[in-house]
PDB file of N, CA and C in Angstrom:
ATOM      1  N   MET A   1       0.827  -1.188   0.000  1.00  0.00           N
ATOM      2  CA  MET A   1       0.000   0.000   0.000  1.00  0.00           C
ATOM      3  C   MET A   1       0.868   1.248   0.000  1.00  0.00           C
ATOM      4  N   ILE A   2       1.907   1.264   0.817  1.00  0.00           N
ATOM      5  CA  ILE A   2       2.775   2.441   0.881  1.00  0.00           C
ATOM      6  C   ILE A   2       3.549   2.604  -0.426  1.00  0.00           C
ATOM      7  N   LYS A   3       3.980   1.498  -1.020  1.00  0.00           N
ATOM      8  CA  LYS A   3       4.715   1.571  -2.277  1.00  0.00           C
ATOM      9  C   LYS A   3       3.858   2.209  -3.369  1.00  0.00           C
ATOM     10  N   ALA A   4       2.581   1.860  -3.419  1.00  0.00           N
ATOM     11  CA  ALA A   4       1.677   2.439  -4.408  1.00  0.00           C
ATOM     12  C   ALA A   4       1.495   3.931  -4.177  1.00  0.00           C
ATOM     13  N   PHE A   5       1.589   4.369  -2.946  1.00  0.00           N
ATOM     14  CA  PHE A   5       1.443   5.790  -2.635  1.00  0.00           C
ATOM     15  C   PHE A   5       2.612   6.601  -3.189  1.00  0.00           C
ATOM     16  N   PHE A   6       3.818   6.066  -3.107  1.00  0.00           N
ATOM     17  CA  PHE A   6       5.001   6.802  -3.541  1.00  0.00           C
ATOM     18  C   PHE A   6       5.365   6.571  -5.006  1.00  0.00           C
ATOM     19  N   GLU A   7       4.712   5.648  -5.673  1.00  0.00           N
ATOM     20  CA  GLU A   7       5.076   5.312  -7.045  1.00  0.00           C
ATOM     21  C   GLU A   7       4.937   6.475  -8.028  1.00  0.00           C
ATOM     22  N   PRO A   8       3.839   7.247  -8.034  1.00  0.00           N
ATOM     23  CA  PRO A   8       3.752   8.359  -8.995  1.00  0.00           C
ATOM     24  C   PRO A   8       4.860   9.394  -8.810  1.00  0.00           C
ATOM     25  N   THR A   9       5.288   9.624  -7.585  1.00  0.00           N
ATOM     26  CA  THR A   9       6.351  10.589  -7.336  1.00  0.00           C
ATOM     27  C   THR A   9       7.666  10.098  -7.920  1.00  0.00           C
ATOM     28  N   SER A  10       7.958   8.816  -7.780  1.00  0.00           N
ATOM     29  CA  SER A  10       9.218   8.291  -8.307  1.00  0.00           C
ATOM     30  C   SER A  10       9.242   8.358  -9.829  1.00  0.00           C
ATOM     31  N   LYS A  11       8.091   8.211 -10.478  1.00  0.00           N
ATOM     32  CA  LYS A  11       8.040   8.330 -11.929  1.00  0.00           C
ATOM     33  C   LYS A  11       8.319   9.763 -12.358  1.00  0.00           C
ATOM     34  N   ARG A  12       7.849  10.736 -11.593  1.00  0.00           N
ATOM     35  CA  ARG A  12       8.084  12.134 -11.937  1.00  0.00           C
ATOM     36  C   ARG A  12       9.549  12.507 -11.784  1.00  0.00           C
ATOM     37  N   ARG A  13      10.251  11.915 -10.846  1.00  0.00           N
ATOM     38  CA  ARG A  13      11.646  12.265 -10.589  1.00  0.00           C
ATOM     39  C   ARG A  13      12.566  11.860 -11.741  1.00  0.00           C
ATOM     40  N   ARG A  14      12.139  10.916 -12.577  1.00  0.00           N
ATOM     41  CA  ARG A  14      12.978  10.478 -13.693  1.00  0.00           C
ATOM     42  C   ARG A  14      13.143  11.573 -14.735  1.00  0.00           C
ATOM     43  N   GLY A  15      12.215  12.494 -14.784  1.00  0.00           N
ATOM     44  CA  GLY A  15      12.314  13.592 -15.739  1.00  0.00           C
ATOM     45  C   GLY A  15      11.115  13.641 -16.657  1.00  0.00           C
ATOM     46  N   PHE A  16      10.665  14.815 -16.892  1.00  0.00           N
ATOM     47  CA  PHE A  16       9.571  15.028 -17.818  1.00  0.00           C
ATOM     48  C   PHE A  16      10.104  14.914 -19.241  1.00  0.00           C
ATOM     49  N   PRO A  17       9.245  14.601 -20.199  1.00  0.00           N
ATOM     50  CA  PRO A  17       9.712  14.557 -21.591  1.00  0.00           C
ATOM     51  C   PRO A  17      10.329  15.877 -22.032  1.00  0.00           C
ATOM     52  N   SER A  18       9.831  16.972 -21.490  1.00  0.00           N
ATOM     53  CA  SER A  18      10.388  18.264 -21.877  1.00  0.00           C
ATOM     54  C   SER A  18      11.794  18.456 -21.319  1.00  0.00           C
ATOM     55  N   GLU A  19      12.151  17.758 -20.233  1.00  0.00           N
ATOM     56  CA  GLU A  19      13.506  17.851 -19.693  1.00  0.00           C
ATOM     57  C   GLU A  19      14.469  16.968 -20.464  1.00  0.00           C
ATOM     58  N   THR A  20      14.008  15.801 -20.875  1.00  0.00           N
ATOM     59  CA  THR A  20      14.896  14.872 -21.559  1.00  0.00           C
ATOM     60  C   THR A  20      15.056  15.234 -23.028  1.00  0.00           C
ATOM     61  N   ASN A  21      14.035  15.772 -23.648  1.00  0.00           N
ATOM     62  CA  ASN A  21      14.091  16.188 -25.046  1.00  0.00           C
ATOM     63  C   ASN A  21      13.956  17.701 -25.112  1.00  0.00           C
ATOM     64  N   VAL A  22      14.996  18.401 -24.718  1.00  0.00           N
ATOM     65  CA  VAL A  22      14.937  19.862 -24.666  1.00  0.00           C
ATOM     66  C   VAL A  22      14.888  20.403 -26.080  1.00  0.00           C
ATOM     67  N   LYS A  23      13.975  21.333 -26.298  1.00  0.00           N
ATOM     68  CA  LYS A  23      13.890  21.973 -27.600  1.00  0.00           C
ATOM     69  C   LYS A  23      15.140  22.812 -27.800  1.00  0.00           C
ATOM     70  N   ARG A  24      15.780  22.663 -28.909  1.00  0.00           N
ATOM     71  CA  ARG A  24      17.020  23.387 -29.161  1.00  0.00           C
ATOM     72  C   ARG A  24      16.718  24.708 -29.852  1.00  0.00           C
ATOM     73  N   GLY A  25      17.496  25.690 -29.519  1.00  0.00           N
ATOM     74  CA  GLY A  25      17.290  27.021 -30.067  1.00  0.00           C
ATOM     75  C   GLY A  25      18.374  27.397 -31.052  1.00  0.00           C
ATOM     76  N   LEU A  26      18.838  28.608 -30.936  1.00  0.00           N
ATOM     77  CA  LEU A  26      19.811  29.162 -31.855  1.00  0.00           C
ATOM     78  C   LEU A  26      21.194  28.564 -31.625  1.00  0.00           C
ATOM     79  N   ILE A  27      21.929  28.415 -32.700  1.00  0.00           N
ATOM     80  CA  ILE A  27      23.330  28.005 -32.599  1.00  0.00           C
ATOM     81  C   ILE A  27      24.165  29.186 -33.068  1.00  0.00           C
ATOM     82  N   ARG A  28      24.979  29.715 -32.183  1.00  0.00           N
ATOM     83  CA  ARG A  28      25.847  30.841 -32.517  1.00  0.00           C
ATOM     84  C   ARG A  28      27.291  30.366 -32.504  1.00  0.00           C
ATOM     85  N   THR A  29      28.124  31.092 -33.217  1.00  0.00           N
ATOM     86  CA  THR A  29      29.550  30.812 -33.186  1.00  0.00           C
ATOM     87  C   THR A  29      30.242  31.976 -32.500  1.00  0.00           C
ATOM     88  N   VAL A  30      30.925  31.693 -31.397  1.00  0.00           N
ATOM     89  CA  VAL A  30      31.644  32.712 -30.641  1.00  0.00           C
ATOM     90  C   VAL A  30      33.103  32.289 -30.576  1.00  0.00           C
ATOM     91  N   HIS A  31      33.972  33.031 -31.234  1.00  0.00           N
ATOM     92  CA  HIS A  31      35.413  32.755 -31.257  1.00  0.00           C
ATOM     93  C   HIS A  31      35.700  31.321 -31.708  1.00  0.00           C
ATOM     94  N   GLY A  32      34.966  30.855 -32.698  1.00  0.00           N
ATOM     95  CA  GLY A  32      35.185  29.516 -33.236  1.00  0.00           C
ATOM     96  C   GLY A  32      34.473  28.407 -32.485  1.00  0.00           C
ATOM     97  N   ASP A  33      33.887  28.699 -31.325  1.00  0.00           N
ATOM     98  CA  ASP A  33      33.157  27.695 -30.553  1.00  0.00           C
ATOM     99  C   ASP A  33      31.663  27.865 -30.775  1.00  0.00           C
ATOM    100  N   LYS A  34      30.957  26.761 -30.919  1.00  0.00           N
ATOM    101  CA  LYS A  34      29.508  26.821 -31.084  1.00  0.00           C
ATOM    102  C   LYS A  34      28.848  26.936 -29.721  1.00  0.00           C
ATOM    103  N   VAL A  35      27.930  27.876 -29.607  1.00  0.00           N
ATOM    104  CA  VAL A  35      27.175  28.072 -28.370  1.00  0.00           C
ATOM    105  C   VAL A  35      25.730  27.707 -28.675  1.00  0.00           C
ATOM    106  N   LEU A  36      25.176  26.765 -27.935  1.00  0.00           N
ATOM    107  CA  LEU A  36      23.815  26.299 -28.156  1.00  0.00           C
ATOM    108  C   LEU A  36      22.924  26.815 -27.044  1.00  0.00           C
ATOM    109  N   HIS A  37      21.859  27.495 -27.415  1.00  0.00           N
ATOM    110  CA  HIS A  37      20.917  28.026 -26.433  1.00  0.00           C
ATOM    111  C   HIS A  37      19.710  27.104 -26.361  1.00  0.00           C
ATOM    112  N   GLU A  38      19.285  26.771 -25.159  1.00  0.00           N
ATOM    113  CA  GLU A  38      18.109  25.928 -24.970  1.00  0.00           C
ATOM    114  C   GLU A  38      16.892  26.809 -24.778  1.00  0.00           C
ATOM    115  N   LYS A  39      15.790  26.422 -25.393  1.00  0.00           N
ATOM    116  CA  LYS A  39      14.540  27.146 -25.219  1.00  0.00           C
ATOM    117  C   LYS A  39      13.667  26.364 -24.250  1.00  0.00           C
ATOM    118  N   LEU A  40      13.177  27.028 -23.241  1.00  0.00           N
ATOM    119  CA  LEU A  40      12.259  26.400 -22.305  1.00  0.00           C
ATOM    120  C   LEU A  40      10.851  26.851 -22.635  1.00  0.00           C
ATOM    121  N   GLY A  41       9.922  25.928 -22.599  1.00  0.00           N
ATOM    122  CA  GLY A  41       8.536  26.245 -22.884  1.00  0.00           C
ATOM    123  C   GLY A  41       7.851  26.890 -21.698  1.00  0.00           C
ATOM    124  N   ARG A  42       6.640  27.306 -21.923  1.00  0.00           N
ATOM    125  CA  ARG A  42       5.889  28.032 -20.901  1.00  0.00           C
ATOM    126  C   ARG A  42       5.613  27.173 -19.676  1.00  0.00           C
ATOM    127  N   ASN A  43       5.302  25.903 -19.867  1.00  0.00           N
ATOM    128  CA  ASN A  43       4.946  25.034 -18.745  1.00  0.00           C
ATOM    129  C   ASN A  43       6.047  24.042 -18.389  1.00  0.00           C
ATOM    130  N   ASP A  44       7.243  24.244 -18.903  1.00  0.00           N
ATOM    131  CA  ASP A  44       8.359  23.373 -18.543  1.00  0.00           C
ATOM    132  C   ASP A  44       8.768  23.634 -17.103  1.00  0.00           C
ATOM    133  N   PRO A  45       9.269  22.615 -16.416  1.00  0.00           N
ATOM    134  CA  PRO A  45       9.719  22.835 -15.038  1.00  0.00           C
ATOM    135  C   PRO A  45      10.927  23.764 -15.000  1.00  0.00           C
ATOM    136  N   CYS A  46      11.063  24.452 -13.903  1.00  0.00           N
ATOM    137  CA  CYS A  46      12.159  25.393 -13.714  1.00  0.00           C
ATOM    138  C   CYS A  46      13.493  24.645 -13.767  1.00  0.00           C
ATOM    139  N   PRO A  47      14.509  25.190 -14.437  1.00  0.00           N
ATOM    140  CA  PRO A  47      15.794  24.500 -14.528  1.00  0.00           C
ATOM    141  C   PRO A  47      16.511  24.338 -13.188  1.00  0.00           C
ATOM    142  N   CYS A  48      16.094  25.071 -12.161  1.00  0.00           N
ATOM    143  CA  CYS A  48      16.741  24.949 -10.846  1.00  0.00           C
ATOM    144  C   CYS A  48      16.121  23.829 -10.012  1.00  0.00           C
ATOM    145  N   ASN A  49      15.186  23.055 -10.590  1.00  0.00           N
ATOM    146  CA  ASN A  49      14.524  21.921  -9.926  1.00  0.00           C
ATOM    147  C   ASN A  49      13.738  22.335  -8.690  1.00  0.00           C
ATOM    148  N   SER A  50      13.084  23.490  -8.746  1.00  0.00           N
ATOM    149  CA  SER A  50      12.300  23.953  -7.605  1.00  0.00           C
ATOM    150  C   SER A  50      10.833  23.533  -7.707  1.00  0.00           C
ATOM    151  N   ASP A  51      10.485  22.665  -8.660  1.00  0.00           N
ATOM    152  CA  ASP A  51       9.113  22.181  -8.886  1.00  0.00           C
ATOM    153  C   ASP A  51       8.152  23.288  -9.287  1.00  0.00           C
ATOM    154  N   ARG A  52       8.648  24.399  -9.762  1.00  0.00           N
ATOM    155  CA  ARG A  52       7.796  25.468 -10.288  1.00  0.00           C
ATOM    156  C   ARG A  52       7.846  25.432 -11.807  1.00  0.00           C
ATOM    157  N   SER A  53       6.804  25.964 -12.429  1.00  0.00           N
ATOM    158  CA  SER A  53       6.798  26.063 -13.885  1.00  0.00           C
ATOM    159  C   SER A  53       7.611  27.270 -14.308  1.00  0.00           C
ATOM    160  N   PHE A  54       8.282  27.154 -15.434  1.00  0.00           N
ATOM    161  CA  PHE A  54       9.120  28.231 -15.923  1.00  0.00           C
ATOM    162  C   PHE A  54       8.287  29.211 -16.708  1.00  0.00           C
TER     163      PHE A  54
END
């Protein structure tokens, strides 16, 4: 019974699809190095893992 209570939380900790498949943004070249910017969606979790929406 207790295991079933905690099971949904453990599934969430593995990562949302939006965290594992981050939408990629612009690719810039700075001094010969490529800089990749990640775009976060409106309802994606906060990158600081505070369980808030970004």
